[in-house]
Amino acid sequence: MLGRLVLCTDGLWNYTPGAAELAKLLDDLPTAASAAAVARSLTDTALARGGHDNITVAVVDVRPQRRSLR
């Protein structure tokens, strides 16, 4: 199962009403989208909503490690 860690400045956060809206934006993207494509999409959303300064978004894919049972 893939998880995503999203770190952003208020340049994005100020243009989403809260964590639920940000989660919806992520859910609306294709699951196969790369981390870079997700960051770009979130930045484009902030720009489209009026953002103009210091929009920083970093996305890291998180994959759990499988541990063998011994």
PDB file of N, CA and C in Angstrom:
ATOM      1  N   MET A   1       0.839  -1.173   0.000  1.00  0.00           N
ATOM      2  CA  MET A   1       0.000   0.000   0.000  1.00  0.00           C
ATOM      3  C   MET A   1       0.888   1.242   0.000  1.00  0.00           C
ATOM      4  N   LEU A   2       0.527   2.196  -0.820  1.00  0.00           N
ATOM      5  CA  LEU A   2       1.301   3.420  -0.975  1.00  0.00           C
ATOM      6  C   LEU A   2       0.663   4.534  -0.150  1.00  0.00           C
ATOM      7  N   GLY A   3       1.490   5.274   0.546  1.00  0.00           N
ATOM      8  CA  GLY A   3       1.037   6.466   1.244  1.00  0.00           C
ATOM      9  C   GLY A   3       1.805   7.654   0.696  1.00  0.00           C
ATOM     10  N   ARG A   4       1.319   8.825   0.981  1.00  0.00           N
ATOM     11  CA  ARG A   4       2.004  10.033   0.523  1.00  0.00           C
ATOM     12  C   ARG A   4       2.123  11.007   1.678  1.00  0.00           C
ATOM     13  N   LEU A   5       3.301  11.564   1.810  1.00  0.00           N
ATOM     14  CA  LEU A   5       3.551  12.616   2.773  1.00  0.00           C
ATOM     15  C   LEU A   5       3.601  13.922   1.990  1.00  0.00           C
ATOM     16  N   VAL A   6       2.766  14.865   2.373  1.00  0.00           N
ATOM     17  CA  VAL A   6       2.724  16.166   1.695  1.00  0.00           C
ATOM     18  C   VAL A   6       3.181  17.228   2.683  1.00  0.00           C
ATOM     19  N   LEU A   7       4.217  17.949   2.307  1.00  0.00           N
ATOM     20  CA  LEU A   7       4.702  19.091   3.086  1.00  0.00           C
ATOM     21  C   LEU A   7       4.476  20.330   2.236  1.00  0.00           C
ATOM     22  N   CYS A   8       3.886  21.345   2.827  1.00  0.00           N
ATOM     23  CA  CYS A   8       3.622  22.545   2.033  1.00  0.00           C
ATOM     24  C   CYS A   8       3.724  23.795   2.903  1.00  0.00           C
ATOM     25  N   THR A   9       3.932  24.889   2.236  1.00  0.00           N
ATOM     26  CA  THR A   9       3.934  26.184   2.906  1.00  0.00           C
ATOM     27  C   THR A   9       2.513  26.746   2.885  1.00  0.00           C
ATOM     28  N   ASP A  10       2.342  27.876   3.532  1.00  0.00           N
ATOM     29  CA  ASP A  10       1.025  28.512   3.531  1.00  0.00           C
ATOM     30  C   ASP A  10       0.627  28.989   2.135  1.00  0.00           C
ATOM     31  N   GLY A  11       1.550  28.981   1.202  1.00  0.00           N
ATOM     32  CA  GLY A  11       1.219  29.312  -0.180  1.00  0.00           C
ATOM     33  C   GLY A  11       0.221  28.343  -0.780  1.00  0.00           C
ATOM     34  N   LEU A  12       0.204  27.105  -0.321  1.00  0.00           N
ATOM     35  CA  LEU A  12      -0.837  26.146  -0.697  1.00  0.00           C
ATOM     36  C   LEU A  12      -1.917  26.122   0.371  1.00  0.00           C
ATOM     37  N   TRP A  13      -1.499  26.013   1.617  1.00  0.00           N
ATOM     38  CA  TRP A  13      -2.453  25.829   2.718  1.00  0.00           C
ATOM     39  C   TRP A  13      -3.496  26.948   2.775  1.00  0.00           C
ATOM     40  N   ASN A  14      -3.113  28.175   2.478  1.00  0.00           N
ATOM     41  CA  ASN A  14      -4.059  29.295   2.518  1.00  0.00           C
ATOM     42  C   ASN A  14      -5.137  29.197   1.440  1.00  0.00           C
ATOM     43  N   TYR A  15      -4.933  28.352   0.440  1.00  0.00           N
ATOM     44  CA  TYR A  15      -5.886  28.245  -0.663  1.00  0.00           C
ATOM     45  C   TYR A  15      -6.638  26.917  -0.659  1.00  0.00           C
ATOM     46  N   THR A  16      -6.562  26.204   0.451  1.00  0.00           N
ATOM     47  CA  THR A  16      -7.397  25.023   0.680  1.00  0.00           C
ATOM     48  C   THR A  16      -8.070  25.230   2.036  1.00  0.00           C
ATOM     49  N   PRO A  17      -9.361  24.971   2.144  1.00  0.00           N
ATOM     50  CA  PRO A  17     -10.070  25.244   3.392  1.00  0.00           C
ATOM     51  C   PRO A  17      -9.609  24.419   4.592  1.00  0.00           C
ATOM     52  N   GLY A  18      -8.887  23.342   4.373  1.00  0.00           N
ATOM     53  CA  GLY A  18      -8.424  22.534   5.498  1.00  0.00           C
ATOM     54  C   GLY A  18      -7.892  21.198   5.021  1.00  0.00           C
ATOM     55  N   ALA A  19      -7.596  20.360   5.980  1.00  0.00           N
ATOM     56  CA  ALA A  19      -7.001  19.067   5.663  1.00  0.00           C
ATOM     57  C   ALA A  19      -7.927  18.205   4.806  1.00  0.00           C
ATOM     58  N   ALA A  20      -9.231  18.268   5.063  1.00  0.00           N
ATOM     59  CA  ALA A  20     -10.180  17.461   4.285  1.00  0.00           C
ATOM     60  C   ALA A  20     -10.170  17.875   2.812  1.00  0.00           C
ATOM     61  N   GLU A  21     -10.103  19.168   2.547  1.00  0.00           N
ATOM     62  CA  GLU A  21     -10.041  19.644   1.156  1.00  0.00           C
ATOM     63  C   GLU A  21      -8.743  19.209   0.483  1.00  0.00           C
ATOM     64  N   LEU A  22      -7.655  19.291   1.208  1.00  0.00           N
ATOM     65  CA  LEU A  22      -6.369  18.849   0.662  1.00  0.00           C
ATOM     66  C   LEU A  22      -6.408  17.352   0.360  1.00  0.00           C
ATOM     67  N   ALA A  23      -6.991  16.579   1.253  1.00  0.00           N
ATOM     68  CA  ALA A  23      -7.123  15.133   1.030  1.00  0.00           C
ATOM     69  C   ALA A  23      -7.977  14.854  -0.203  1.00  0.00           C
ATOM     70  N   LYS A  24      -9.049  15.628  -0.398  1.00  0.00           N
ATOM     71  CA  LYS A  24      -9.894  15.440  -1.578  1.00  0.00           C
ATOM     72  C   LYS A  24      -9.126  15.743  -2.856  1.00  0.00           C
ATOM     73  N   LEU A  25      -8.327  16.794  -2.839  1.00  0.00           N
ATOM     74  CA  LEU A  25      -7.508  17.112  -4.006  1.00  0.00           C
ATOM     75  C   LEU A  25      -6.582  15.945  -4.348  1.00  0.00           C
ATOM     76  N   LEU A  26      -6.013  15.331  -3.322  1.00  0.00           N
ATOM     77  CA  LEU A  26      -5.134  14.178  -3.542  1.00  0.00           C
ATOM     78  C   LEU A  26      -5.924  12.987  -4.056  1.00  0.00           C
ATOM     79  N   ASP A  27      -7.102  12.747  -3.497  1.00  0.00           N
ATOM     80  CA  ASP A  27      -7.929  11.618  -3.923  1.00  0.00           C
ATOM     81  C   ASP A  27      -8.394  11.760  -5.364  1.00  0.00           C
ATOM     82  N   ASP A  28      -8.543  12.993  -5.839  1.00  0.00           N
ATOM     83  CA  ASP A  28      -9.006  13.231  -7.203  1.00  0.00           C
ATOM     84  C   ASP A  28      -7.922  12.993  -8.257  1.00  0.00           C
ATOM     85  N   LEU A  29      -6.681  12.843  -7.824  1.00  0.00           N
ATOM     86  CA  LEU A  29      -5.575  12.601  -8.760  1.00  0.00           C
ATOM     87  C   LEU A  29      -5.450  11.107  -9.054  1.00  0.00           C
ATOM     88  N   PRO A  30      -4.926  10.758 -10.226  1.00  0.00           N
ATOM     89  CA  PRO A  30      -4.708   9.340 -10.523  1.00  0.00           C
ATOM     90  C   PRO A  30      -3.757   8.708  -9.500  1.00  0.00           C
ATOM     91  N   THR A  31      -4.057   7.501  -9.080  1.00  0.00           N
ATOM     92  CA  THR A  31      -3.213   6.843  -8.086  1.00  0.00           C
ATOM     93  C   THR A  31      -1.806   6.589  -8.613  1.00  0.00           C
ATOM     94  N   ALA A  32      -1.654   6.499  -9.922  1.00  0.00           N
ATOM     95  CA  ALA A  32      -0.339   6.257 -10.516  1.00  0.00           C
ATOM     96  C   ALA A  32       0.463   7.540 -10.726  1.00  0.00           C
ATOM     97  N   ALA A  33      -0.097   8.683 -10.358  1.00  0.00           N
ATOM     98  CA  ALA A  33       0.618   9.950 -10.549  1.00  0.00           C
ATOM     99  C   ALA A  33       1.891   9.950  -9.710  1.00  0.00           C
ATOM    100  N   SER A  34       2.958  10.435 -10.302  1.00  0.00           N
ATOM    101  CA  SER A  34       4.231  10.502  -9.577  1.00  0.00           C
ATOM    102  C   SER A  34       4.157  11.572  -8.497  1.00  0.00           C
ATOM    103  N   ALA A  35       5.070  11.493  -7.553  1.00  0.00           N
ATOM    104  CA  ALA A  35       5.127  12.499  -6.486  1.00  0.00           C
ATOM    105  C   ALA A  35       5.315  13.895  -7.079  1.00  0.00           C
ATOM    106  N   ALA A  36       6.145  14.001  -8.095  1.00  0.00           N
ATOM    107  CA  ALA A  36       6.374  15.302  -8.743  1.00  0.00           C
ATOM    108  C   ALA A  36       5.099  15.816  -9.403  1.00  0.00           C
ATOM    109  N   ALA A  37       4.337  14.924 -10.041  1.00  0.00           N
ATOM    110  CA  ALA A  37       3.088  15.328 -10.688  1.00  0.00           C
ATOM    111  C   ALA A  37       2.062  15.787  -9.655  1.00  0.00           C
ATOM    112  N   VAL A  38       2.027  15.129  -8.497  1.00  0.00           N
ATOM    113  CA  VAL A  38       1.114  15.527  -7.425  1.00  0.00           C
ATOM    114  C   VAL A  38       1.495  16.912  -6.910  1.00  0.00           C
ATOM    115  N   ALA A  39       2.769  17.140  -6.663  1.00  0.00           N
ATOM    116  CA  ALA A  39       3.230  18.450  -6.189  1.00  0.00           C
ATOM    117  C   ALA A  39       2.901  19.530  -7.213  1.00  0.00           C
ATOM    118  N   ARG A  40       3.111  19.230  -8.473  1.00  0.00           N
ATOM    119  CA  ARG A  40       2.815  20.198  -9.537  1.00  0.00           C
ATOM    120  C   ARG A  40       1.316  20.511  -9.576  1.00  0.00           C
ATOM    121  N   SER A  41       0.485  19.491  -9.450  1.00  0.00           N
ATOM    122  CA  SER A  41      -0.962  19.680  -9.476  1.00  0.00           C
ATOM    123  C   SER A  41      -1.433  20.534  -8.298  1.00  0.00           C
ATOM    124  N   LEU A  42      -0.907  20.265  -7.118  1.00  0.00           N
ATOM    125  CA  LEU A  42      -1.280  21.056  -5.946  1.00  0.00           C
ATOM    126  C   LEU A  42      -0.825  22.507  -6.084  1.00  0.00           C
ATOM    127  N   THR A  43       0.344  22.709  -6.652  1.00  0.00           N
ATOM    128  CA  THR A  43       0.837  24.070  -6.902  1.00  0.00           C
ATOM    129  C   THR A  43      -0.059  24.775  -7.911  1.00  0.00           C
ATOM    130  N   ASP A  44      -0.436  24.067  -8.977  1.00  0.00           N
ATOM    131  CA  ASP A  44      -1.335  24.653  -9.977  1.00  0.00           C
ATOM    132  C   ASP A  44      -2.681  25.027  -9.358  1.00  0.00           C
ATOM    133  N   THR A  45      -3.171  24.200  -8.438  1.00  0.00           N
ATOM    134  CA  THR A  45      -4.425  24.502  -7.754  1.00  0.00           C
ATOM    135  C   THR A  45      -4.305  25.800  -6.959  1.00  0.00           C
ATOM    136  N   ALA A  46      -3.220  25.946  -6.212  1.00  0.00           N
ATOM    137  CA  ALA A  46      -3.019  27.174  -5.436  1.00  0.00           C
ATOM    138  C   ALA A  46      -2.944  28.389  -6.355  1.00  0.00           C
ATOM    139  N   LEU A  47      -2.250  28.262  -7.470  1.00  0.00           N
ATOM    140  CA  LEU A  47      -2.155  29.371  -8.423  1.00  0.00           C
ATOM    141  C   LEU A  47      -3.521  29.717  -8.996  1.00  0.00           C
ATOM    142  N   ALA A  48      -4.304  28.694  -9.340  1.00  0.00           N
ATOM    143  CA  ALA A  48      -5.633  28.916  -9.916  1.00  0.00           C
ATOM    144  C   ALA A  48      -6.581  29.577  -8.911  1.00  0.00           C
ATOM    145  N   ARG A  49      -6.326  29.362  -7.630  1.00  0.00           N
ATOM    146  CA  ARG A  49      -7.186  29.929  -6.583  1.00  0.00           C
ATOM    147  C   ARG A  49      -6.690  31.283  -6.097  1.00  0.00           C
ATOM    148  N   GLY A  50      -5.672  31.828  -6.759  1.00  0.00           N
ATOM    149  CA  GLY A  50      -5.221  33.168  -6.424  1.00  0.00           C
ATOM    150  C   GLY A  50      -3.858  33.260  -5.766  1.00  0.00           C
ATOM    151  N   GLY A  51      -3.230  32.119  -5.503  1.00  0.00           N
ATOM    152  CA  GLY A  51      -1.895  32.144  -4.910  1.00  0.00           C
ATOM    153  C   GLY A  51      -0.904  32.796  -5.859  1.00  0.00           C
ATOM    154  N   HIS A  52       0.046  33.490  -5.307  1.00  0.00           N
ATOM    155  CA  HIS A  52       1.013  34.169  -6.167  1.00  0.00           C
ATOM    156  C   HIS A  52       2.416  34.227  -5.576  1.00  0.00           C
ATOM    157  N   ASP A  53       2.575  33.803  -4.343  1.00  0.00           N
ATOM    158  CA  ASP A  53       3.883  33.977  -3.725  1.00  0.00           C
ATOM    159  C   ASP A  53       4.200  32.806  -2.795  1.00  0.00           C
ATOM    160  N   ASN A  54       5.401  32.300  -2.900  1.00  0.00           N
ATOM    161  CA  ASN A  54       5.909  31.281  -1.970  1.00  0.00           C
ATOM    162  C   ASN A  54       5.032  30.042  -1.871  1.00  0.00           C
ATOM    163  N   ILE A  55       4.657  29.483  -2.995  1.00  0.00           N
ATOM    164  CA  ILE A  55       3.911  28.225  -2.998  1.00  0.00           C
ATOM    165  C   ILE A  55       4.935  27.108  -3.101  1.00  0.00           C
ATOM    166  N   THR A  56       5.130  26.410  -2.009  1.00  0.00           N
ATOM    167  CA  THR A  56       6.090  25.318  -1.973  1.00  0.00           C
ATOM    168  C   THR A  56       5.369  24.046  -1.572  1.00  0.00           C
ATOM    169  N   VAL A  57       5.530  23.002  -2.388  1.00  0.00           N
ATOM    170  CA  VAL A  57       4.899  21.720  -2.106  1.00  0.00           C
ATOM    171  C   VAL A  57       5.923  20.621  -2.353  1.00  0.00           C
ATOM    172  N   ALA A  58       6.098  19.756  -1.362  1.00  0.00           N
ATOM    173  CA  ALA A  58       6.961  18.590  -1.506  1.00  0.00           C
ATOM    174  C   ALA A  58       6.110  17.359  -1.214  1.00  0.00           C
ATOM    175  N   VAL A  59       6.234  16.352  -2.067  1.00  0.00           N
ATOM    176  CA  VAL A  59       5.469  15.119  -1.902  1.00  0.00           C
ATOM    177  C   VAL A  59       6.450  13.958  -1.895  1.00  0.00           C
ATOM    178  N   VAL A  60       6.308  13.082  -0.923  1.00  0.00           N
ATOM    179  CA  VAL A  60       7.170  11.913  -0.803  1.00  0.00           C
ATOM    180  C   VAL A  60       6.280  10.677  -0.770  1.00  0.00           C
ATOM    181  N   ASP A  61       6.535   9.735  -1.661  1.00  0.00           N
ATOM    182  CA  ASP A  61       5.825   8.461  -1.621  1.00  0.00           C
ATOM    183  C   ASP A  61       6.378   7.623  -0.479  1.00  0.00           C
ATOM    184  N   VAL A  62       5.491   7.026   0.279  1.00  0.00           N
ATOM    185  CA  VAL A  62       5.881   6.208   1.425  1.00  0.00           C
ATOM    186  C   VAL A  62       5.368   4.796   1.193  1.00  0.00           C
ATOM    187  N   ARG A  63       6.294   3.879   1.126  1.00  0.00           N
ATOM    188  CA  ARG A  63       5.934   2.472   0.956  1.00  0.00           C
ATOM    189  C   ARG A  63       6.414   1.707   2.178  1.00  0.00           C
ATOM    190  N   PRO A  64       5.495   1.010   2.847  1.00  0.00           N
ATOM    191  CA  PRO A  64       5.934   0.261   4.022  1.00  0.00           C
ATOM    192  C   PRO A  64       6.886  -0.868   3.627  1.00  0.00           C
ATOM    193  N   GLN A  65       7.825  -1.117   4.489  1.00  0.00           N
ATOM    194  CA  GLN A  65       8.757  -2.217   4.254  1.00  0.00           C
ATOM    195  C   GLN A  65       8.121  -3.512   4.708  1.00  0.00           C
ATOM    196  N   ARG A  66       8.368  -4.536   3.953  1.00  0.00           N
ATOM    197  CA  ARG A  66       7.891  -5.850   4.356  1.00  0.00           C
ATOM    198  C   ARG A  66       8.955  -6.472   5.246  1.00  0.00           C
ATOM    199  N   ARG A  67       8.512  -6.994   6.335  1.00  0.00           N
ATOM    200  CA  ARG A  67       9.432  -7.675   7.249  1.00  0.00           C
ATOM    201  C   ARG A  67       9.117  -9.161   7.243  1.00  0.00           C
ATOM    202  N   SER A  68      10.145  -9.919   7.176  1.00  0.00           N
ATOM    203  CA  SER A  68       9.931 -11.344   7.211  1.00  0.00           C
ATOM    204  C   SER A  68       9.801 -11.803   8.655  1.00  0.00           C
ATOM    205  N   LEU A  69       8.921 -12.731   8.879  1.00  0.00           N
ATOM    206  CA  LEU A  69       8.751 -13.287  10.216  1.00  0.00           C
ATOM    207  C   LEU A  69       9.690 -14.463  10.374  1.00  0.00           C
ATOM    208  N   ARG A  70      10.419 -14.500  11.432  1.00  0.00           N
ATOM    209  CA  ARG A  70      11.362 -15.590  11.650  1.00  0.00           C
ATOM    210  C   ARG A  70      11.056 -16.280  12.940  1.00  0.00           C
TER     211      ARG A  70
END
